[in-house]
N, C-alpha and C. Protein backbone atom coordinates (compact mmCIF):
# COMPACT_ATOMS: atom_id res chain seq x y z
N UNK A 1 16.96 15.41 -17.28
CA UNK A 1 15.15 15.01 -16.53
C UNK A 1 13.57 16.05 -16.90
N UNK A 2 12.86 15.39 -17.68
CA UNK A 2 11.85 16.44 -17.47
C UNK A 2 10.41 16.69 -16.48
N UNK A 3 10.74 18.14 -16.64
CA UNK A 3 10.43 19.26 -15.24
C UNK A 3 8.49 18.52 -15.65
N UNK A 4 7.85 18.31 -16.42
CA UNK A 4 6.44 18.76 -15.96
C UNK A 4 5.93 17.99 -14.19
N UNK A 5 4.68 18.25 -14.57
CA UNK A 5 4.34 17.79 -13.44
C UNK A 5 2.89 18.10 -13.60
N UNK A 6 2.13 16.91 -12.42
CA UNK A 6 0.90 16.78 -12.26
C UNK A 6 0.23 16.16 -13.03
N UNK A 7 1.01 15.01 -14.04
CA UNK A 7 -0.30 14.33 -15.41
C UNK A 7 -0.71 12.73 -13.90
N UNK A 8 -2.06 12.07 -14.61
CA UNK A 8 -2.53 11.41 -14.13
C UNK A 8 -1.36 10.52 -13.54
N UNK A 9 -0.34 9.93 -14.55
CA UNK A 9 0.60 8.81 -13.78
C UNK A 9 1.26 8.71 -12.39
N UNK A 10 0.97 9.86 -12.07
CA UNK A 10 1.76 10.65 -10.56
C UNK A 10 1.32 10.18 -9.78
N UNK A 11 -0.59 10.60 -10.25
CA UNK A 11 -1.03 10.11 -8.57
C UNK A 11 -1.80 8.78 -8.55
N UNK A 12 -1.63 7.84 -9.49
CA UNK A 12 -2.91 6.55 -9.89
C UNK A 12 -1.48 5.43 -9.98
N UNK A 13 -0.59 6.28 -10.29
CA UNK A 13 0.27 4.14 -10.05
C UNK A 13 0.89 4.14 -8.79
N UNK A 14 1.58 5.55 -7.79
CA UNK A 14 1.42 5.06 -6.09
C UNK A 14 0.29 4.89 -6.26
N UNK A 15 -0.50 5.57 -6.36
CA UNK A 15 -2.36 4.79 -5.54
C UNK A 15 -2.07 2.95 -5.43
N UNK A 16 -1.86 2.89 -6.57
CA UNK A 16 -2.31 1.74 -7.27
C UNK A 16 -1.23 0.98 -6.61
N UNK A 17 0.19 0.78 -7.19
CA UNK A 17 1.09 0.21 -5.71
C UNK A 17 0.44 0.28 -4.00
N UNK A 18 -0.23 1.18 -3.69
CA UNK A 18 -0.33 1.67 -1.87
C UNK A 18 -1.39 0.75 -1.86
N UNK A 19 -2.41 0.07 -2.74
CA UNK A 19 -3.74 0.00 -2.24
C UNK A 19 -2.88 -1.78 -3.25
N UNK A 20 -1.78 -2.17 -3.91
CA UNK A 20 -2.08 -3.33 -4.42
C UNK A 20 -1.22 -4.04 -3.52
N UNK A 21 -0.11 -3.31 -2.55
CA UNK A 21 0.59 -4.13 -1.79
C UNK A 21 -0.17 -3.22 -0.56
N UNK A 22 -0.69 -2.98 0.13
CA UNK A 22 -1.99 -2.92 1.01
C UNK A 22 -2.72 -4.79 0.76
N UNK A 23 -3.04 -5.62 -0.59
CA UNK A 23 -3.89 -5.85 0.22
C UNK A 23 -2.86 -7.99 0.08
N UNK A 24 -1.78 -7.39 -0.03
CA UNK A 24 -0.69 -8.12 -0.35
C UNK A 24 0.32 -8.49 0.79
N UNK A 25 0.19 -7.61 1.46
CA UNK A 25 0.41 -7.95 2.77
C UNK A 25 -0.62 -8.00 4.09
N UNK A 26 -2.49 -7.40 3.54
CA UNK A 26 -3.12 -8.58 4.53
C UNK A 26 -3.52 -9.25 4.40
N UNK A 27 -3.14 -9.96 2.54
CA UNK A 27 -3.65 -11.14 2.64
C UNK A 27 -2.19 -12.24 2.79
N UNK A 28 -1.28 -11.84 3.80
CA UNK A 28 -0.11 -12.38 3.81
C UNK A 28 -0.30 -13.79 4.60
N UNK A 29 -0.88 -14.31 5.27
CA UNK A 29 -0.66 -15.21 6.30
C UNK A 29 -1.29 -16.74 4.95
N UNK A 30 -2.31 -15.95 4.41
CA UNK A 30 -2.58 -16.88 2.91
C UNK A 30 -1.11 -17.66 2.17
N UNK A 31 -0.24 -16.38 2.01
CA UNK A 31 0.87 -16.98 1.03
C UNK A 31 1.89 -18.00 1.98
N UNK A 32 1.60 -17.24 3.44
CA UNK A 32 1.78 -18.37 4.14
C UNK A 32 1.88 -19.69 4.41
N UNK A 33 0.77 -20.17 4.66
CA UNK A 33 -0.24 -21.37 4.73
C UNK A 33 0.42 -21.88 3.36
N UNK A 34 -0.30 -21.05 2.36
CA UNK A 34 0.73 -22.45 0.91
C UNK A 34 2.03 -23.17 0.71
N UNK A 35 2.67 -22.02 0.83
CA UNK A 35 3.84 -23.23 1.63
C UNK A 35 4.63 -23.16 2.71
N UNK A 36 4.03 -23.15 3.55
CA UNK A 36 4.76 -23.38 5.11
C UNK A 36 3.89 -24.20 5.59
N UNK A 37 4.88 -24.97 6.87
CA UNK A 37 4.26 -25.39 7.70
C UNK A 37 2.63 -25.65 7.90
N UNK A 38 1.36 -26.29 7.95
CA UNK A 38 0.20 -25.95 8.49
C UNK A 38 0.51 -25.15 10.18
N UNK A 39 -0.48 -24.30 10.29
CA UNK A 39 -0.33 -24.09 11.76
C UNK A 39 -2.15 -23.54 12.04
N UNK A 40 -2.60 -23.84 12.56
CA UNK A 40 -4.08 -24.54 13.05
C UNK A 40 -4.35 -22.44 13.70
N UNK A 41 -2.99 -22.00 14.05
CA UNK A 41 -4.32 -20.48 14.70
C UNK A 41 -3.72 -19.21 13.55
N UNK A 42 -2.68 -20.06 12.63
CA UNK A 42 -2.82 -19.07 11.74
C UNK A 42 -3.95 -19.12 10.25
N UNK A 43 -4.07 -20.66 9.92
CA UNK A 43 -5.53 -20.69 9.55
C UNK A 43 -6.66 -20.24 9.84
N UNK A 44 -6.95 -20.32 11.04
CA UNK A 44 -8.18 -20.11 11.98
C UNK A 44 -8.72 -18.28 11.62
N UNK A 45 -7.52 -17.89 12.79
CA UNK A 45 -7.00 -16.33 11.35
C UNK A 45 -6.76 -15.71 10.79
N UNK A 46 -6.00 -16.37 9.48
CA UNK A 46 -7.17 -16.30 7.70
C UNK A 46 -7.95 -16.17 7.27
N UNK A 47 -8.90 -17.76 7.69
CA UNK A 47 -9.98 -17.39 7.13
C UNK A 47 -11.21 -16.72 8.21
N UNK A 48 -11.29 -16.44 9.35
CA UNK A 48 -11.91 -15.77 9.54
C UNK A 48 -11.94 -14.02 9.21
N UNK A 49 -10.82 -13.28 8.57
CA UNK A 49 -10.14 -12.68 8.21
C UNK A 49 -10.14 -11.79 6.51
N UNK A 50 -9.79 -13.49 5.78
CA UNK A 50 -9.96 -12.78 4.63
C UNK A 50 -10.55 -12.62 3.90
N UNK A 51 -10.95 -11.56 3.02
CA UNK A 51 -11.57 -9.96 2.88
C UNK A 51 -11.99 -11.25 1.63
N UNK A 52 -11.19 -11.69 0.41
CA UNK A 52 -12.26 -12.27 -0.94
C UNK A 52 -12.43 -14.15 -0.22
N UNK A 53 -13.65 -14.27 0.48
CA UNK A 53 -13.80 -16.08 0.90
C UNK A 53 -14.63 -15.66 -0.16
N UNK A 54 -14.24 -17.64 -0.47
CA UNK A 54 -14.95 -18.30 -1.70
C UNK A 54 -14.93 -18.50 -2.48
N UNK A 55 -12.97 -17.88 -2.53
CA UNK A 55 -12.36 -18.75 -4.31
C UNK A 55 -11.86 -19.74 -3.37
N UNK A 56 -11.79 -20.42 -4.57
CA UNK A 56 -10.53 -21.37 -4.08
C UNK A 56 -9.24 -20.58 -4.25
N UNK A 57 -8.37 -21.64 -3.20
CA UNK A 57 -7.02 -21.76 -2.89
C UNK A 57 -6.35 -22.01 -4.11
N UNK A 58 -5.50 -21.11 -4.68
CA UNK A 58 -4.12 -21.85 -6.07
C UNK A 58 -2.85 -22.54 -4.94
N UNK A 59 -2.59 -23.88 -5.89
CA UNK A 59 -0.93 -24.18 -5.32
C UNK A 59 -1.66 -24.65 -3.94
N UNK A 60 -2.21 -25.46 -3.16
CA UNK A 60 -2.56 -26.19 -2.70
C UNK A 60 -2.62 -25.88 -1.18
N UNK A 61 -3.16 -24.17 -1.51
CA UNK A 61 -3.36 -23.32 -0.12
C UNK A 61 -4.52 -22.10 -0.19
N UNK A 62 -4.74 -21.64 0.75
CA UNK A 62 -5.65 -20.41 0.68
C UNK A 62 -5.89 -19.66 -0.61
N UNK A 63 -4.48 -19.08 -0.91
CA UNK A 63 -4.12 -17.77 -1.58
C UNK A 63 -4.83 -18.19 -3.33
N UNK A 64 -5.61 -16.87 -2.94
CA UNK A 64 -6.56 -17.35 -4.12
C UNK A 64 -5.64 -16.48 -5.39
N UNK A 65 -6.86 -16.13 -6.22
CA UNK A 65 -6.25 -15.63 -7.69
C UNK A 65 -5.92 -14.40 -7.60
N UNK A 66 -6.36 -14.03 -6.57
CA UNK A 66 -6.50 -12.07 -6.15
C UNK A 66 -5.11 -11.68 -5.25
N UNK A 67 -5.18 -12.84 -4.15
CA UNK A 67 -3.54 -12.61 -3.53
C UNK A 67 -2.27 -13.18 -4.83
N UNK A 68 -2.83 -14.01 -5.37
CA UNK A 68 -1.54 -14.05 -6.78
C UNK A 68 -1.29 -13.09 -7.80
N UNK A 69 -2.39 -12.48 -8.16
CA UNK A 69 -1.91 -11.44 -8.76
C UNK A 69 -1.68 -10.10 -8.49
N UNK A 70 -2.58 -9.36 -7.08
CA UNK A 70 -1.76 -8.90 -6.59
C UNK A 70 -0.06 -8.77 -6.10
N UNK A 71 -0.41 -9.72 -5.79
CA UNK A 71 1.61 -10.12 -5.40
C UNK A 71 2.62 -10.03 -6.68
N UNK A 72 2.46 -10.56 -7.95
CA UNK A 72 2.34 -10.68 -9.76
C UNK A 72 2.91 -8.86 -9.45
N UNK A 73 1.15 -8.29 -9.02
CA UNK A 73 1.29 -6.92 -9.68
C UNK A 73 2.28 -6.23 -8.77
N UNK A 74 2.56 -5.89 -7.94
CA UNK A 74 3.07 -5.19 -6.91
C UNK A 74 3.97 -4.36 -7.78
N UNK A 75 4.47 -5.60 -8.15
CA UNK A 75 7.03 -4.91 -8.55
C UNK A 75 6.54 -4.71 -9.34
N UNK A 76 5.41 -4.76 -10.80
CA UNK A 76 4.99 -4.46 -11.49
C UNK A 76 4.68 -2.84 -11.97
N UNK A 77 4.35 -3.11 -10.69
CA UNK A 77 3.41 -1.13 -10.33
C UNK A 77 5.13 -0.19 -9.88
N UNK A 78 5.08 -1.69 -9.29
CA UNK A 78 6.76 -0.57 -8.44
C UNK A 78 7.73 0.03 -9.69
N UNK A 79 8.10 -0.87 -10.43
CA UNK A 79 8.95 -1.08 -11.54
C UNK A 79 8.39 0.32 -12.64
N UNK A 80 6.64 0.45 -13.09
CA UNK A 80 6.10 1.39 -13.84
C UNK A 80 6.09 2.55 -12.52
N UNK A 81 6.65 2.49 -11.68
CA UNK A 81 6.40 4.47 -11.34
C UNK A 81 7.63 4.11 -10.80
N UNK A 82 9.16 3.49 -10.61
CA UNK A 82 10.19 4.44 -10.85
C UNK A 82 10.58 4.34 -11.78
N UNK A 83 9.92 4.24 -13.28
CA UNK A 83 10.70 3.97 -14.43
C UNK A 83 10.18 5.81 -15.07
N UNK A 84 8.75 5.69 -14.61
CA UNK A 84 8.03 7.88 -14.69
C UNK A 84 7.71 8.22 -13.49
N UNK A 85 8.77 8.63 -12.58
CA UNK A 85 8.64 9.59 -12.10
C UNK A 85 9.26 10.16 -11.97
N UNK A 86 8.81 11.51 -11.87
CA UNK A 86 9.61 13.09 -12.66
C UNK A 86 10.07 14.27 -11.72
N UNK A 87 10.75 14.85 -11.52
CA UNK A 87 11.88 15.80 -10.80
C UNK A 87 9.92 17.16 -10.66
N UNK A 88 9.11 16.95 -9.34
CA UNK A 88 8.59 18.34 -9.55
C UNK A 88 10.07 19.39 -9.70
N UNK A 89 9.57 20.87 -10.07
CA UNK A 89 9.92 21.70 -9.64
C UNK A 89 11.01 22.43 -8.95
N UNK A 90 10.16 21.86 -7.44
CA UNK A 90 11.30 22.87 -6.39
C UNK A 90 11.74 21.43 -5.16
N UNK A 91 12.72 19.89 -6.22
CA UNK A 91 13.04 19.07 -5.73
C UNK A 91 14.13 19.12 -6.61
N UNK A 92 15.31 18.42 -5.55
CA UNK A 92 16.54 18.42 -5.96
C UNK A 92 16.40 18.46 -7.42
N UNK A 93 18.34 18.78 -7.72
CA UNK A 93 17.78 18.45 -9.86
C UNK A 93 18.51 17.14 -10.04
N UNK A 94 19.84 16.82 -9.07
CA UNK A 94 20.81 16.18 -9.65
C UNK A 94 19.86 14.69 -9.06
N UNK A 95 19.65 13.99 -10.54
CA UNK A 95 19.11 12.17 -9.88
C UNK A 95 19.92 10.96 -11.09
N UNK A 96 20.42 10.14 -9.81
CA UNK A 96 20.62 9.18 -9.96
C UNK A 96 19.29 7.52 -9.65
N UNK A 97 20.10 7.10 -10.08
CA UNK A 97 18.51 5.45 -10.00
C UNK A 97 18.03 4.96 -9.01
N UNK A 98 19.01 5.88 -7.94
CA UNK A 98 18.60 4.98 -6.72
C UNK A 98 17.47 5.83 -5.91
N UNK A 99 17.91 7.70 -6.55
CA UNK A 99 16.84 8.77 -6.09
C UNK A 99 15.65 8.62 -6.98
N UNK A 100 15.39 7.49 -8.18
CA UNK A 100 13.60 7.69 -8.43
C UNK A 100 13.27 6.17 -8.34
N UNK A 101 14.19 5.71 -7.41
CA UNK A 101 13.30 5.08 -5.95
C UNK A 101 13.24 6.18 -4.60
N UNK A 102 13.95 7.33 -4.19
CA UNK A 102 13.71 7.46 -2.67
C UNK A 102 12.31 8.67 -3.23
N UNK A 103 12.33 9.03 -4.21
CA UNK A 103 11.17 10.29 -5.15
C UNK A 103 9.94 9.39 -5.14
N UNK A 104 10.28 7.55 -5.91
CA UNK A 104 9.18 7.12 -5.93
C UNK A 104 8.30 6.73 -4.55
N UNK A 105 8.86 6.63 -4.00
CA UNK A 105 8.93 6.27 -2.59
C UNK A 105 7.96 7.31 -1.35
N UNK A 106 8.93 8.45 -2.07
CA UNK A 106 7.92 10.10 -1.74
C UNK A 106 6.43 10.50 -2.31
N UNK A 107 6.42 9.54 -3.36
CA UNK A 107 4.79 9.66 -4.35
C UNK A 107 4.00 9.28 -3.38
N UNK A 108 4.82 7.53 -3.05
CA UNK A 108 3.66 6.70 -2.13
C UNK A 108 3.65 7.32 -0.79
N UNK A 109 4.13 7.64 -0.21
CA UNK A 109 4.12 8.66 0.61
C UNK A 109 2.76 9.55 0.57
N UNK A 110 3.79 10.23 -0.12
CA UNK A 110 1.54 11.71 -0.45
C UNK A 110 0.56 10.89 -0.74
N UNK A 111 0.44 9.37 -1.36
CA UNK A 111 -0.72 8.98 -1.00
C UNK A 111 -1.19 8.36 0.15
N UNK A 112 -0.73 7.88 0.73
CA UNK A 112 -0.01 7.63 1.84
C UNK A 112 -1.55 8.27 2.99
N UNK A 113 -0.84 9.97 2.45
CA UNK A 113 -1.07 11.09 3.59
C UNK A 113 -2.84 11.14 3.54
N UNK A 114 -2.98 10.95 2.00
CA UNK A 114 -4.64 11.15 1.35
C UNK A 114 -5.14 10.39 1.94
N UNK A 115 -4.58 8.79 1.74
CA UNK A 115 -5.68 7.57 2.29
C UNK A 115 -5.72 8.18 4.03
N UNK A 116 -5.04 8.12 4.46
CA UNK A 116 -4.89 8.53 6.02
C UNK A 116 -5.73 9.77 6.93
N UNK A 117 -6.00 10.32 5.28
CA UNK A 117 -7.08 11.70 6.23
C UNK A 117 -8.58 10.85 5.75
N UNK A 118 -8.13 10.57 4.13
CA UNK A 118 -9.68 9.91 4.36
C UNK A 118 -10.40 8.51 5.60
N UNK A 119 -9.71 7.57 5.74
CA UNK A 119 -9.90 6.99 6.57
C UNK A 119 -10.94 8.21 8.29
N UNK A 120 -9.54 8.82 7.86
CA UNK A 120 -9.99 9.35 9.65
C UNK A 120 -11.31 10.37 9.69
N UNK A 121 -11.61 11.07 8.37
CA UNK A 121 -12.40 11.25 8.32
C UNK A 121 -13.40 11.02 7.70
N UNK A 122 -13.77 9.61 7.86
CA UNK A 122 -15.19 8.86 7.45
C UNK A 122 -15.07 8.31 8.99
N UNK A 123 -14.11 7.76 10.03
CA UNK A 123 -14.59 8.31 10.94
C UNK A 123 -15.05 9.13 12.68
N UNK A 124 -14.63 10.07 11.66
CA UNK A 124 -15.23 11.09 12.61
C UNK A 124 -16.91 11.94 11.65
N UNK A 125 -17.34 10.87 11.00
CA UNK A 125 -18.53 11.03 10.02
C UNK A 125 -19.18 10.05 11.04
N UNK A 126 -18.66 8.92 11.04
CA UNK A 126 -18.88 7.78 11.47
C UNK A 126 -19.71 7.55 12.94
N UNK A 127 -18.54 8.12 13.28
CA UNK A 127 -18.62 8.30 15.70
C UNK A 127 -19.78 9.77 15.35
N UNK A 128 -19.92 10.88 15.19
CA UNK A 128 -20.20 11.76 15.09
C UNK A 128 -21.50 12.53 14.77
N UNK A 129 -21.24 11.28 13.39
CA UNK A 129 -22.63 11.36 12.87
C UNK A 129 -24.03 10.84 12.53
N UNK A 130 -23.03 9.23 12.31
CA UNK A 130 -24.29 7.96 12.63
C UNK A 130 -23.76 7.51 14.16
N UNK A 131 -22.76 7.91 15.49
CA UNK A 131 -23.15 7.70 15.99
C UNK A 131 -23.14 5.76 16.96
N UNK A 132 -21.24 6.02 15.87
CA UNK A 132 -21.46 4.44 15.74
C UNK A 132 -19.69 4.15 15.22
N UNK A 133 -18.65 3.96 16.66
CA UNK A 133 -18.04 4.23 15.95
C UNK A 133 -17.13 2.94 15.25
N UNK A 134 -15.72 2.86 14.74
CA UNK A 134 -15.26 2.23 14.64
C UNK A 134 -13.57 1.54 15.18
N UNK A 135 -13.45 0.74 15.56
CA UNK A 135 -12.16 0.18 16.11
C UNK A 135 -11.03 0.13 15.23
N UNK A 136 -11.30 -0.19 13.79
CA UNK A 136 -10.66 -0.68 13.12
C UNK A 136 -9.75 0.80 12.14
N UNK A 137 -10.78 1.65 12.05
CA UNK A 137 -10.25 3.05 11.29
C UNK A 137 -9.02 3.94 12.68
N UNK A 138 -8.76 4.01 13.64
CA UNK A 138 -8.07 4.36 15.03
C UNK A 138 -6.85 3.15 14.91
N UNK A 139 -7.10 2.00 14.54
CA UNK A 139 -5.64 0.96 14.18
C UNK A 139 -4.95 1.90 12.59
N UNK A 140 -6.15 1.86 11.98
CA UNK A 140 -5.70 2.05 10.57
C UNK A 140 -4.99 3.01 10.00
N UNK A 141 -5.21 4.44 10.87
CA UNK A 141 -4.84 5.35 11.10
C UNK A 141 -3.28 5.83 11.41
N UNK A 142 -2.91 4.51 12.76
CA UNK A 142 -1.86 5.18 13.68
C UNK A 142 -1.40 3.82 12.52
N UNK A 143 -1.30 3.36 12.07
CA UNK A 143 -0.32 1.88 11.03
C UNK A 143 0.22 3.10 9.30
N UNK A 144 -1.39 3.33 9.07
CA UNK A 144 -1.06 4.53 7.66
C UNK A 144 0.32 5.31 7.83
N UNK A 145 0.61 6.30 9.11
CA UNK A 145 0.88 7.48 10.20
C UNK A 145 2.80 6.45 10.66
N UNK A 146 2.40 5.92 11.12
CA UNK A 146 4.37 4.75 11.14
C UNK A 146 4.47 4.23 9.99
N UNK A 147 4.29 4.48 8.96
CA UNK A 147 4.30 3.81 7.53
C UNK A 147 4.59 5.45 6.92
N UNK A 148 3.96 6.32 7.35
CA UNK A 148 4.89 7.81 6.40
C UNK A 148 5.72 7.98 6.55
N UNK A 149 5.88 7.42 8.31
CA UNK A 149 6.98 8.69 8.91
C UNK A 149 8.62 7.96 8.41
N UNK A 150 8.39 6.49 8.19
CA UNK A 150 9.58 5.76 8.26
C UNK A 150 9.11 5.70 6.28
N UNK A 151 8.87 6.04 5.26
CA UNK A 151 9.22 6.27 4.31
C UNK A 151 9.49 7.38 3.48
N UNK A 152 8.67 8.98 4.99
CA UNK A 152 9.71 9.61 4.32
C UNK A 152 10.97 10.26 4.80
N UNK A 153 11.13 9.80 5.76
CA UNK A 153 12.61 9.40 5.84
C UNK A 153 13.63 10.02 4.75
N UNK A 154 13.51 8.78 3.84
CA UNK A 154 14.10 8.20 2.50
C UNK A 154 13.81 9.66 1.37
N UNK A 155 12.69 10.12 1.63
CA UNK A 155 12.49 10.80 0.96
C UNK A 155 12.97 12.13 1.46
N UNK A 156 13.18 12.63 2.26
CA UNK A 156 13.77 13.15 2.60
C UNK A 156 15.47 13.95 3.01
N UNK A 157 15.89 12.26 3.42
CA UNK A 157 17.18 12.23 3.08
C UNK A 157 17.45 11.99 1.86
N UNK A 158 17.10 11.26 1.02
CA UNK A 158 17.23 12.69 -0.30
C UNK A 158 17.50 14.12 -0.87
N UNK A 159 16.20 14.05 -0.79
CA UNK A 159 16.37 16.00 -0.63
C UNK A 159 16.75 16.62 -0.26
């Protein structure tokens, strides 16, 4: 296994996967409304929270080309990330294919921690400098912290 580390791929692929998969999860109701039975409450919720408003849905539903692109790009980025993950000098040396997945999820977790800190810094700046707090930042930090603890367990067990 190649022991070099610190390349841009090790940072960018987990970050791109995290952002792409976050888009897929946020826009998930659009996929449900495209293929599932119509639900007025879910349709109203999705119309209110849809990020990419103004684009026509594909396949007869509200999920647009950005949503479908993110859905198809997520597994591709995951496969690229698993294929390009490298062992750091301090990590366990004997690797199997499952270990590659665990280490890539560990890299995703590290990117989630960076995003978590960025959201917390934004919230502190907005609240104390601009005196206008946000509701979503606190909720997002709780969700990111929860996912961090869940994903970090797999990486810790691999090590």
